[in-house]
Amino acid sequence: MHAPGATALWYAQNLTTNGLQGWIQDNVVPLILLTIAVILLWIGGRGDNAGVARRSVGLLVGLIALGIAVSGNGPRVGAFLANLIVG
């Protein structure tokens, strides 16, 4: 039989955030994308097409940043962009 402190220590050492990250990627990100799409359709339905275009560009940049952050390819993307400038 293990001591309660040893069991708690074992659980504390093996904690990860993989379950939380997976849940966020599987549930929260699609919900955010759906919300953005509904808002853009609502704004477009009012006839403010210039506003939709302006917000869409900002959202596209934000979604690109979200994709880079979620995929974990930030260093590779940064190296690619640096190589475009430096050569």
C-alpha atoms as a PDB file:
ATOM      1  CA  MET A   1       0.000   0.000   0.000  1.00  0.00           C
ATOM      2  CA  HIS A   2       1.313   3.428  -0.944  1.00  0.00           C
ATOM      3  CA  ALA A   3       1.372   6.402   1.331  1.00  0.00           C
ATOM      4  CA  PRO A   4      -1.155   9.110   0.373  1.00  0.00           C
ATOM      5  CA  GLY A   5       1.656  11.624  -0.108  1.00  0.00           C
ATOM      6  CA  ALA A   6       3.510   9.330  -2.516  1.00  0.00           C
ATOM      7  CA  THR A   7       0.384   8.776  -4.597  1.00  0.00           C
ATOM      8  CA  ALA A   8      -0.335  12.498  -4.764  1.00  0.00           C
ATOM      9  CA  LEU A   9       3.271  13.161  -5.756  1.00  0.00           C
ATOM     10  CA  TRP A  10       3.058  10.583  -8.543  1.00  0.00           C
ATOM     11  CA  TYR A  11      -0.118  12.162  -9.922  1.00  0.00           C
ATOM     12  CA  ALA A  12       1.373  15.659  -9.696  1.00  0.00           C
ATOM     13  CA  GLN A  13       4.461  14.620 -11.644  1.00  0.00           C
ATOM     14  CA  ASN A  14       2.404  13.052 -14.445  1.00  0.00           C
ATOM     15  CA  LEU A  15      -0.009  15.933 -15.038  1.00  0.00           C
ATOM     16  CA  THR A  16      -0.172  17.248 -18.588  1.00  0.00           C
ATOM     17  CA  THR A  17      -2.374  19.672 -20.463  1.00  0.00           C
ATOM     18  CA  ASN A  18      -2.815  17.411 -23.497  1.00  0.00           C
ATOM     19  CA  GLY A  19      -6.411  16.584 -22.610  1.00  0.00           C
ATOM     20  CA  LEU A  20      -7.317  20.239 -22.178  1.00  0.00           C
ATOM     21  CA  GLN A  21      -5.533  21.262 -25.382  1.00  0.00           C
ATOM     22  CA  GLY A  22      -7.276  18.526 -27.341  1.00  0.00           C
ATOM     23  CA  TRP A  23     -10.660  19.510 -25.938  1.00  0.00           C
ATOM     24  CA  ILE A  24     -10.088  23.170 -26.826  1.00  0.00           C
ATOM     25  CA  GLN A  25      -8.985  22.277 -30.364  1.00  0.00           C
ATOM     26  CA  ASP A  26     -11.897  19.897 -30.884  1.00  0.00           C
ATOM     27  CA  ASN A  27     -14.659  22.011 -29.323  1.00  0.00           C
ATOM     28  CA  VAL A  28     -13.816  25.649 -28.669  1.00  0.00           C
ATOM     29  CA  VAL A  29     -12.022  26.521 -31.919  1.00  0.00           C
ATOM     30  CA  PRO A  30     -14.872  25.287 -34.187  1.00  0.00           C
ATOM     31  CA  LEU A  31     -17.378  27.110 -31.979  1.00  0.00           C
ATOM     32  CA  ILE A  32     -15.409  30.355 -32.343  1.00  0.00           C
ATOM     33  CA  LEU A  33     -15.229  29.891 -36.129  1.00  0.00           C
ATOM     34  CA  LEU A  34     -18.978  29.263 -36.298  1.00  0.00           C
ATOM     35  CA  THR A  35     -19.650  32.379 -34.222  1.00  0.00           C
ATOM     36  CA  ILE A  36     -17.439  34.471 -36.500  1.00  0.00           C
ATOM     37  CA  ALA A  37     -19.253  33.154 -39.591  1.00  0.00           C
ATOM     38  CA  VAL A  38     -22.666  33.966 -38.112  1.00  0.00           C
ATOM     39  CA  ILE A  39     -21.571  37.487 -37.170  1.00  0.00           C
ATOM     40  CA  LEU A  40     -20.195  38.135 -40.667  1.00  0.00           C
ATOM     41  CA  LEU A  41     -23.409  36.873 -42.260  1.00  0.00           C
ATOM     42  CA  TRP A  42     -25.436  39.079 -39.938  1.00  0.00           C
ATOM     43  CA  ILE A  43     -23.350  42.150 -40.801  1.00  0.00           C
ATOM     44  CA  GLY A  44     -23.560  41.305 -44.503  1.00  0.00           C
ATOM     45  CA  GLY A  45     -27.328  40.972 -44.258  1.00  0.00           C
ATOM     46  CA  ARG A  46     -27.556  44.590 -43.128  1.00  0.00           C
ATOM     47  CA  GLY A  47     -25.884  45.681 -46.370  1.00  0.00           C
ATOM     48  CA  ASP A  48     -22.550  46.723 -44.883  1.00  0.00           C
ATOM     49  CA  ASN A  49     -20.383  44.841 -47.378  1.00  0.00           C
ATOM     50  CA  ALA A  50     -17.391  47.121 -46.831  1.00  0.00           C
ATOM     51  CA  GLY A  51     -17.577  46.406 -43.103  1.00  0.00           C
ATOM     52  CA  VAL A  52     -17.686  42.674 -43.767  1.00  0.00           C
ATOM     53  CA  ALA A  53     -14.636  42.900 -46.037  1.00  0.00           C
ATOM     54  CA  ARG A  54     -12.708  44.969 -43.499  1.00  0.00           C
ATOM     55  CA  ARG A  55     -13.525  42.605 -40.635  1.00  0.00           C
ATOM     56  CA  SER A  56     -12.832  39.535 -42.780  1.00  0.00           C
ATOM     57  CA  VAL A  57      -9.266  40.632 -43.453  1.00  0.00           C
ATOM     58  CA  GLY A  58      -8.658  41.178 -39.750  1.00  0.00           C
ATOM     59  CA  LEU A  59     -10.254  37.836 -38.917  1.00  0.00           C
ATOM     60  CA  LEU A  60      -8.186  36.070 -41.568  1.00  0.00           C
ATOM     61  CA  VAL A  61      -4.991  37.398 -40.014  1.00  0.00           C
ATOM     62  CA  GLY A  62      -6.224  36.300 -36.586  1.00  0.00           C
ATOM     63  CA  LEU A  63      -7.137  32.831 -37.848  1.00  0.00           C
ATOM     64  CA  ILE A  64      -3.708  32.443 -39.428  1.00  0.00           C
ATOM     65  CA  ALA A  65      -2.120  33.317 -36.093  1.00  0.00           C
ATOM     66  CA  LEU A  66      -4.448  30.855 -34.333  1.00  0.00           C
ATOM     67  CA  GLY A  67      -3.535  28.124 -36.809  1.00  0.00           C
ATOM     68  CA  ILE A  68       0.167  28.696 -36.275  1.00  0.00           C
ATOM     69  CA  ALA A  69      -0.254  28.668 -32.507  1.00  0.00           C
ATOM     70  CA  VAL A  70      -2.404  25.531 -32.447  1.00  0.00           C
ATOM     71  CA  SER A  71      -0.247  23.551 -34.868  1.00  0.00           C
ATOM     72  CA  GLY A  72       3.018  24.273 -33.037  1.00  0.00           C
ATOM     73  CA  ASN A  73       4.789  25.257 -36.259  1.00  0.00           C
ATOM     74  CA  GLY A  74       5.631  28.764 -35.083  1.00  0.00           C
ATOM     75  CA  PRO A  75       9.436  28.388 -35.302  1.00  0.00           C
ATOM     76  CA  ARG A  76       9.251  26.957 -38.842  1.00  0.00           C
ATOM     77  CA  VAL A  77       6.904  29.704 -40.019  1.00  0.00           C
ATOM     78  CA  GLY A  78       9.154  32.338 -38.438  1.00  0.00           C
ATOM     79  CA  ALA A  79      12.232  30.869 -40.137  1.00  0.00           C
ATOM     80  CA  PHE A  80      10.391  30.835 -43.478  1.00  0.00           C
ATOM     81  CA  LEU A  81       9.360  34.489 -43.118  1.00  0.00           C
ATOM     82  CA  ALA A  82      12.897  35.462 -42.079  1.00  0.00           C
ATOM     83  CA  ASN A  83      14.288  33.690 -45.136  1.00  0.00           C
ATOM     84  CA  LEU A  84      11.918  35.690 -47.344  1.00  0.00           C
ATOM     85  CA  ILE A  85      13.454  38.907 -46.051  1.00  0.00           C
ATOM     86  CA  VAL A  86      17.094  37.887 -45.623  1.00  0.00           C
ATOM     87  CA  GLY A  87      17.275  35.539 -48.572  1.00  0.00           C
END
